[in-house]
């Protein structure tokens, strides 16, 4: 008797009717609408605009670092009129006319390559933060859309149950 029961149980397990414990929501997903929501979020979220502005600021920093290579060089001139005497108590300078000079600041000259690398690294960080936020924003929009679809499906099931119960009562 126990043997027949086990055989019958195995037979029913493998060849019984299929039961649908869960229904899929994949058919309800409208990918065009989802993409539209994602694009709207990327355009309208203020934090996304902050990250875009950070990328632009970092690009400007790289440009400024590249253009500042001439900061270490200083050129100057000094003009003394020719009609003054060369050396006296009111004019202690020995040369009249134009005087030109140039100075090189070695410390600034040695700092420029590292400042450029720093600016480029900041640009890369800003771009990566922007990409990371775009991914996070996309995932958040998808999560909310899927939650909306799940709640909509639950509402349909509850509505159907209420209608079935009201028809039984009537």
C-alpha atoms as a PDB file:
ATOM      1  CA  UNK A   1       0.000   0.000   0.000  1.00  0.00           C
ATOM      2  CA  UNK A   2       2.811   2.378   0.872  1.00  0.00           C
ATOM      3  CA  UNK A   3       4.558   1.487  -2.364  1.00  0.00           C
ATOM      4  CA  UNK A   4       1.475   2.346  -4.455  1.00  0.00           C
ATOM      5  CA  UNK A   5       1.067   5.618  -2.594  1.00  0.00           C
ATOM      6  CA  UNK A   6       4.671   6.617  -3.326  1.00  0.00           C
ATOM      7  CA  UNK A   7       4.300   5.718  -7.007  1.00  0.00           C
ATOM      8  CA  UNK A   8       1.057   7.677  -7.264  1.00  0.00           C
ATOM      9  CA  UNK A   9       2.640  10.660  -5.532  1.00  0.00           C
ATOM     10  CA  UNK A  10       5.636  10.617  -7.881  1.00  0.00           C
ATOM     11  CA  UNK A  11       3.327  10.251 -10.895  1.00  0.00           C
ATOM     12  CA  UNK A  12       1.199  13.210  -9.815  1.00  0.00           C
ATOM     13  CA  UNK A  13       4.258  15.301  -9.066  1.00  0.00           C
ATOM     14  CA  UNK A  14       5.788  14.903 -12.501  1.00  0.00           C
ATOM     15  CA  UNK A  15       2.718  14.544 -14.673  1.00  0.00           C
ATOM     16  CA  UNK A  16       0.182  16.651 -12.835  1.00  0.00           C
ATOM     17  CA  UNK A  17      -1.323  19.862 -14.016  1.00  0.00           C
ATOM     18  CA  UNK A  18       0.979  22.854 -14.109  1.00  0.00           C
ATOM     19  CA  UNK A  19       0.242  25.447 -11.516  1.00  0.00           C
ATOM     20  CA  UNK A  20       1.079  29.069 -11.976  1.00  0.00           C
ATOM     21  CA  UNK A  21       2.188  30.383  -8.625  1.00  0.00           C
ATOM     22  CA  UNK A  22       3.437  33.652 -10.050  1.00  0.00           C
ATOM     23  CA  UNK A  23       2.584  35.571 -13.134  1.00  0.00           C
ATOM     24  CA  UNK A  24       5.235  37.532 -14.952  1.00  0.00           C
ATOM     25  CA  UNK A  25       5.192  41.309 -15.236  1.00  0.00           C
ATOM     26  CA  UNK A  26       7.642  41.297 -18.113  1.00  0.00           C
ATOM     27  CA  UNK A  27       4.830  41.511 -20.648  1.00  0.00           C
ATOM     28  CA  UNK A  28       3.582  44.706 -18.992  1.00  0.00           C
ATOM     29  CA  UNK A  29       6.893  46.555 -19.342  1.00  0.00           C
ATOM     30  CA  UNK A  30       6.811  49.271 -21.970  1.00  0.00           C
ATOM     31  CA  UNK A  31      10.475  49.931 -22.750  1.00  0.00           C
ATOM     32  CA  UNK A  32       9.764  53.068 -24.782  1.00  0.00           C
ATOM     33  CA  UNK A  33       7.978  54.624 -21.814  1.00  0.00           C
ATOM     34  CA  UNK A  34      10.734  53.490 -19.465  1.00  0.00           C
ATOM     35  CA  UNK A  35      13.389  55.098 -21.706  1.00  0.00           C
ATOM     36  CA  UNK A  36      11.313  58.273 -21.828  1.00  0.00           C
ATOM     37  CA  UNK A  37      11.183  58.362 -18.013  1.00  0.00           C
ATOM     38  CA  UNK A  38      14.941  57.800 -17.782  1.00  0.00           C
ATOM     39  CA  UNK A  39      15.685  60.614 -20.250  1.00  0.00           C
ATOM     40  CA  UNK A  40      13.299  62.951 -18.417  1.00  0.00           C
ATOM     41  CA  UNK A  41      15.059  62.172 -15.138  1.00  0.00           C
ATOM     42  CA  UNK A  42      18.475  62.836 -16.683  1.00  0.00           C
ATOM     43  CA  UNK A  43      17.277  66.185 -18.001  1.00  0.00           C
ATOM     44  CA  UNK A  44      15.254  67.417 -15.024  1.00  0.00           C
ATOM     45  CA  UNK A  45      16.995  66.172 -11.879  1.00  0.00           C
ATOM     46  CA  UNK A  46      18.967  69.036 -10.284  1.00  0.00           C
ATOM     47  CA  UNK A  47      21.688  66.744  -8.977  1.00  0.00           C
ATOM     48  CA  UNK A  48      22.422  65.606 -12.553  1.00  0.00           C
ATOM     49  CA  UNK A  49      22.877  69.254 -13.491  1.00  0.00           C
ATOM     50  CA  UNK A  50      25.329  69.620 -10.601  1.00  0.00           C
ATOM     51  CA  UNK A  51      27.422  66.734 -11.912  1.00  0.00           C
ATOM     52  CA  UNK A  52      27.348  68.169 -15.446  1.00  0.00           C
ATOM     53  CA  UNK A  53      28.518  71.524 -14.082  1.00  0.00           C
ATOM     54  CA  UNK A  54      31.325  69.791 -12.172  1.00  0.00           C
ATOM     55  CA  UNK A  55      32.514  68.202 -15.421  1.00  0.00           C
ATOM     56  CA  UNK A  56      32.491  71.599 -17.155  1.00  0.00           C
ATOM     57  CA  UNK A  57      34.394  73.153 -14.242  1.00  0.00           C
ATOM     58  CA  UNK A  58      37.015  70.403 -14.413  1.00  0.00           C
ATOM     59  CA  UNK A  59      37.392  70.934 -18.188  1.00  0.00           C
ATOM     60  CA  UNK A  60      37.960  74.631 -17.546  1.00  0.00           C
ATOM     61  CA  UNK A  61      40.558  73.732 -14.912  1.00  0.00           C
ATOM     62  CA  UNK A  62      42.476  71.605 -17.425  1.00  0.00           C
ATOM     63  CA  UNK A  63      42.427  74.437 -19.960  1.00  0.00           C
ATOM     64  CA  UNK A  64      43.607  76.933 -17.346  1.00  0.00           C
ATOM     65  CA  UNK A  65      46.394  74.593 -16.228  1.00  0.00           C
ATOM     66  CA  UNK A  66      47.561  74.153 -19.814  1.00  0.00           C
ATOM     67  CA  UNK A  67      47.517  77.901 -20.455  1.00  0.00           C
ATOM     68  CA  UNK A  68      49.344  78.754 -17.235  1.00  0.00           C
ATOM     69  CA  UNK A  69      52.686  77.407 -18.444  1.00  0.00           C
ATOM     70  CA  UNK A  70      53.841  80.983 -19.039  1.00  0.00           C
ATOM     71  CA  UNK A  71      53.220  82.018 -15.419  1.00  0.00           C
ATOM     72  CA  UNK A  72      56.795  81.209 -14.450  1.00  0.00           C
ATOM     73  CA  UNK A  73      58.140  83.841 -16.879  1.00  0.00           C
ATOM     74  CA  UNK A  74      57.938  87.514 -15.962  1.00  0.00           C
ATOM     75  CA  UNK A  75      59.011  90.272 -18.350  1.00  0.00           C
ATOM     76  CA  UNK A  76      59.215  93.920 -17.364  1.00  0.00           C
ATOM     77  CA  UNK A  77      60.582  97.251 -18.540  1.00  0.00           C
ATOM     78  CA  UNK A  78      61.462 100.547 -16.935  1.00  0.00           C
ATOM     79  CA  UNK A  79      61.673 103.893 -18.725  1.00  0.00           C
ATOM     80  CA  UNK A  80      63.817 106.861 -17.626  1.00  0.00           C
ATOM     81  CA  UNK A  81      63.765 109.924 -19.837  1.00  0.00           C
ATOM     82  CA  UNK A  82      66.984 110.705 -21.667  1.00  0.00           C
ATOM     83  CA  UNK A  83      67.213 114.355 -20.529  1.00  0.00           C
ATOM     84  CA  UNK A  84      68.016 113.461 -16.899  1.00  0.00           C
ATOM     85  CA  UNK A  85      71.555 113.322 -15.640  1.00  0.00           C
ATOM     86  CA  UNK A  86      72.879 109.842 -15.236  1.00  0.00           C
ATOM     87  CA  UNK A  87      73.903 109.919 -11.572  1.00  0.00           C
ATOM     88  CA  UNK A  88      73.071 112.567  -8.984  1.00  0.00           C
ATOM     89  CA  UNK A  89      71.281 112.716  -5.630  1.00  0.00           C
ATOM     90  CA  UNK A  90      67.757 112.804  -7.087  1.00  0.00           C
ATOM     91  CA  UNK A  91      68.497 110.254  -9.819  1.00  0.00           C
ATOM     92  CA  UNK A  92      70.592 107.399  -8.405  1.00  0.00           C
ATOM     93  CA  UNK A  93      70.239 105.308 -11.587  1.00  0.00           C
ATOM     94  CA  UNK A  94      73.157 104.899 -13.918  1.00  0.00           C
ATOM     95  CA  UNK A  95      71.185 104.297 -17.107  1.00  0.00           C
ATOM     96  CA  UNK A  96      68.577 106.480 -18.780  1.00  0.00           C
ATOM     97  CA  UNK A  97      66.115 105.255 -21.400  1.00  0.00           C
ATOM     98  CA  UNK A  98      64.473 101.841 -21.563  1.00  0.00           C
ATOM     99  CA  UNK A  99      65.514  99.026 -19.253  1.00  0.00           C
ATOM    100  CA  UNK A 100      64.193  95.524 -19.927  1.00  0.00           C
ATOM    101  CA  UNK A 101      64.221  92.555 -17.607  1.00  0.00           C
ATOM    102  CA  UNK A 102      63.008  88.986 -17.483  1.00  0.00           C
ATOM    103  CA  UNK A 103      62.771  86.630 -14.521  1.00  0.00           C
ATOM    104  CA  UNK A 104      62.025  82.959 -14.309  1.00  0.00           C
ATOM    105  CA  UNK A 105      60.415  81.481 -11.212  1.00  0.00           C
ATOM    106  CA  UNK A 106      61.854  77.967 -10.999  1.00  0.00           C
ATOM    107  CA  UNK A 107      59.409  76.831  -8.301  1.00  0.00           C
ATOM    108  CA  UNK A 108      56.386  77.667 -10.432  1.00  0.00           C
ATOM    109  CA  UNK A 109      58.104  76.114 -13.450  1.00  0.00           C
ATOM    110  CA  UNK A 110      58.561  72.824 -11.590  1.00  0.00           C
ATOM    111  CA  UNK A 111      54.972  72.841 -10.267  1.00  0.00           C
ATOM    112  CA  UNK A 112      53.237  73.191 -13.640  1.00  0.00           C
ATOM    113  CA  UNK A 113      53.401  69.534 -14.804  1.00  0.00           C
ATOM    114  CA  UNK A 114      51.961  68.283 -11.524  1.00  0.00           C
ATOM    115  CA  UNK A 115      49.246  70.953 -11.573  1.00  0.00           C
ATOM    116  CA  UNK A 116      48.281  69.869 -15.092  1.00  0.00           C
ATOM    117  CA  UNK A 117      48.147  66.223 -14.010  1.00  0.00           C
ATOM    118  CA  UNK A 118      46.023  67.194 -11.025  1.00  0.00           C
ATOM    119  CA  UNK A 119      43.578  69.097 -13.246  1.00  0.00           C
ATOM    120  CA  UNK A 120      43.317  66.140 -15.639  1.00  0.00           C
ATOM    121  CA  UNK A 121      42.731  63.766 -12.720  1.00  0.00           C
ATOM    122  CA  UNK A 122      39.976  66.041 -11.400  1.00  0.00           C
ATOM    123  CA  UNK A 123      38.367  65.996 -14.850  1.00  0.00           C
ATOM    124  CA  UNK A 124      38.485  62.208 -14.925  1.00  0.00           C
ATOM    125  CA  UNK A 125      36.983  62.009 -11.434  1.00  0.00           C
ATOM    126  CA  UNK A 126      34.194  64.416 -12.404  1.00  0.00           C
ATOM    127  CA  UNK A 127      33.375  62.353 -15.506  1.00  0.00           C
ATOM    128  CA  UNK A 128      33.357  59.102 -13.521  1.00  0.00           C
ATOM    129  CA  UNK A 129      31.118  60.618 -10.838  1.00  0.00           C
ATOM    130  CA  UNK A 130      28.760  61.779 -13.581  1.00  0.00           C
ATOM    131  CA  UNK A 131      28.663  58.290 -15.115  1.00  0.00           C
ATOM    132  CA  UNK A 132      28.104  56.717 -11.701  1.00  0.00           C
ATOM    133  CA  UNK A 133      25.209  59.065 -10.989  1.00  0.00           C
ATOM    134  CA  UNK A 134      23.666  58.369 -14.399  1.00  0.00           C
ATOM    135  CA  UNK A 135      23.773  54.647 -13.630  1.00  0.00           C
ATOM    136  CA  UNK A 136      22.295  55.206 -10.179  1.00  0.00           C
ATOM    137  CA  UNK A 137      19.580  57.447 -11.594  1.00  0.00           C
ATOM    138  CA  UNK A 138      18.731  54.914 -14.307  1.00  0.00           C
ATOM    139  CA  UNK A 139      18.482  52.121 -11.745  1.00  0.00           C
ATOM    140  CA  UNK A 140      16.317  54.251  -9.462  1.00  0.00           C
ATOM    141  CA  UNK A 141      13.907  55.102 -12.292  1.00  0.00           C
ATOM    142  CA  UNK A 142      13.702  51.438 -13.305  1.00  0.00           C
ATOM    143  CA  UNK A 143      13.112  50.370  -9.708  1.00  0.00           C
ATOM    144  CA  UNK A 144      10.287  52.869  -9.307  1.00  0.00           C
ATOM    145  CA  UNK A 145       8.746  51.888 -12.649  1.00  0.00           C
ATOM    146  CA  UNK A 146       8.839  48.191 -11.760  1.00  0.00           C
ATOM    147  CA  UNK A 147       7.341  48.949  -8.345  1.00  0.00           C
ATOM    148  CA  UNK A 148       4.592  50.913 -10.078  1.00  0.00           C
ATOM    149  CA  UNK A 149       3.855  47.977 -12.389  1.00  0.00           C
ATOM    150  CA  UNK A 150       3.813  45.538  -9.457  1.00  0.00           C
ATOM    151  CA  UNK A 151       1.427  47.721  -7.480  1.00  0.00           C
ATOM    152  CA  UNK A 152      -0.756  48.158 -10.550  1.00  0.00           C
ATOM    153  CA  UNK A 153      -0.863  44.370 -10.996  1.00  0.00           C
ATOM    154  CA  UNK A 154      -1.747  43.949  -7.301  1.00  0.00           C
ATOM    155  CA  UNK A 155      -4.505  46.519  -7.679  1.00  0.00           C
ATOM    156  CA  UNK A 156      -5.941  44.641 -10.662  1.00  0.00           C
ATOM    157  CA  UNK A 157      -5.931  41.390  -8.685  1.00  0.00           C
ATOM    158  CA  UNK A 158      -7.598  43.018  -5.668  1.00  0.00           C
ATOM    159  CA  UNK A 159     -10.162  44.693  -7.897  1.00  0.00           C
ATOM    160  CA  UNK A 160     -10.938  41.366  -9.555  1.00  0.00           C
ATOM    161  CA  UNK A 161     -11.275  39.702  -6.140  1.00  0.00           C
ATOM    162  CA  UNK A 162     -13.673  42.417  -4.978  1.00  0.00           C
ATOM    163  CA  UNK A 163     -15.752  42.048  -8.129  1.00  0.00           C
ATOM    164  CA  UNK A 164     -15.822  38.261  -7.742  1.00  0.00           C
ATOM    165  CA  UNK A 165     -16.836  38.543  -4.101  1.00  0.00           C
ATOM    166  CA  UNK A 166     -19.551  41.068  -4.871  1.00  0.00           C
ATOM    167  CA  UNK A 167     -20.952  38.853  -7.629  1.00  0.00           C
ATOM    168  CA  UNK A 168     -21.049  35.886  -5.232  1.00  0.00           C
ATOM    169  CA  UNK A 169     -22.838  37.952  -2.592  1.00  0.00           C
ATOM    170  CA  UNK A 170     -25.407  39.231  -5.083  1.00  0.00           C
END
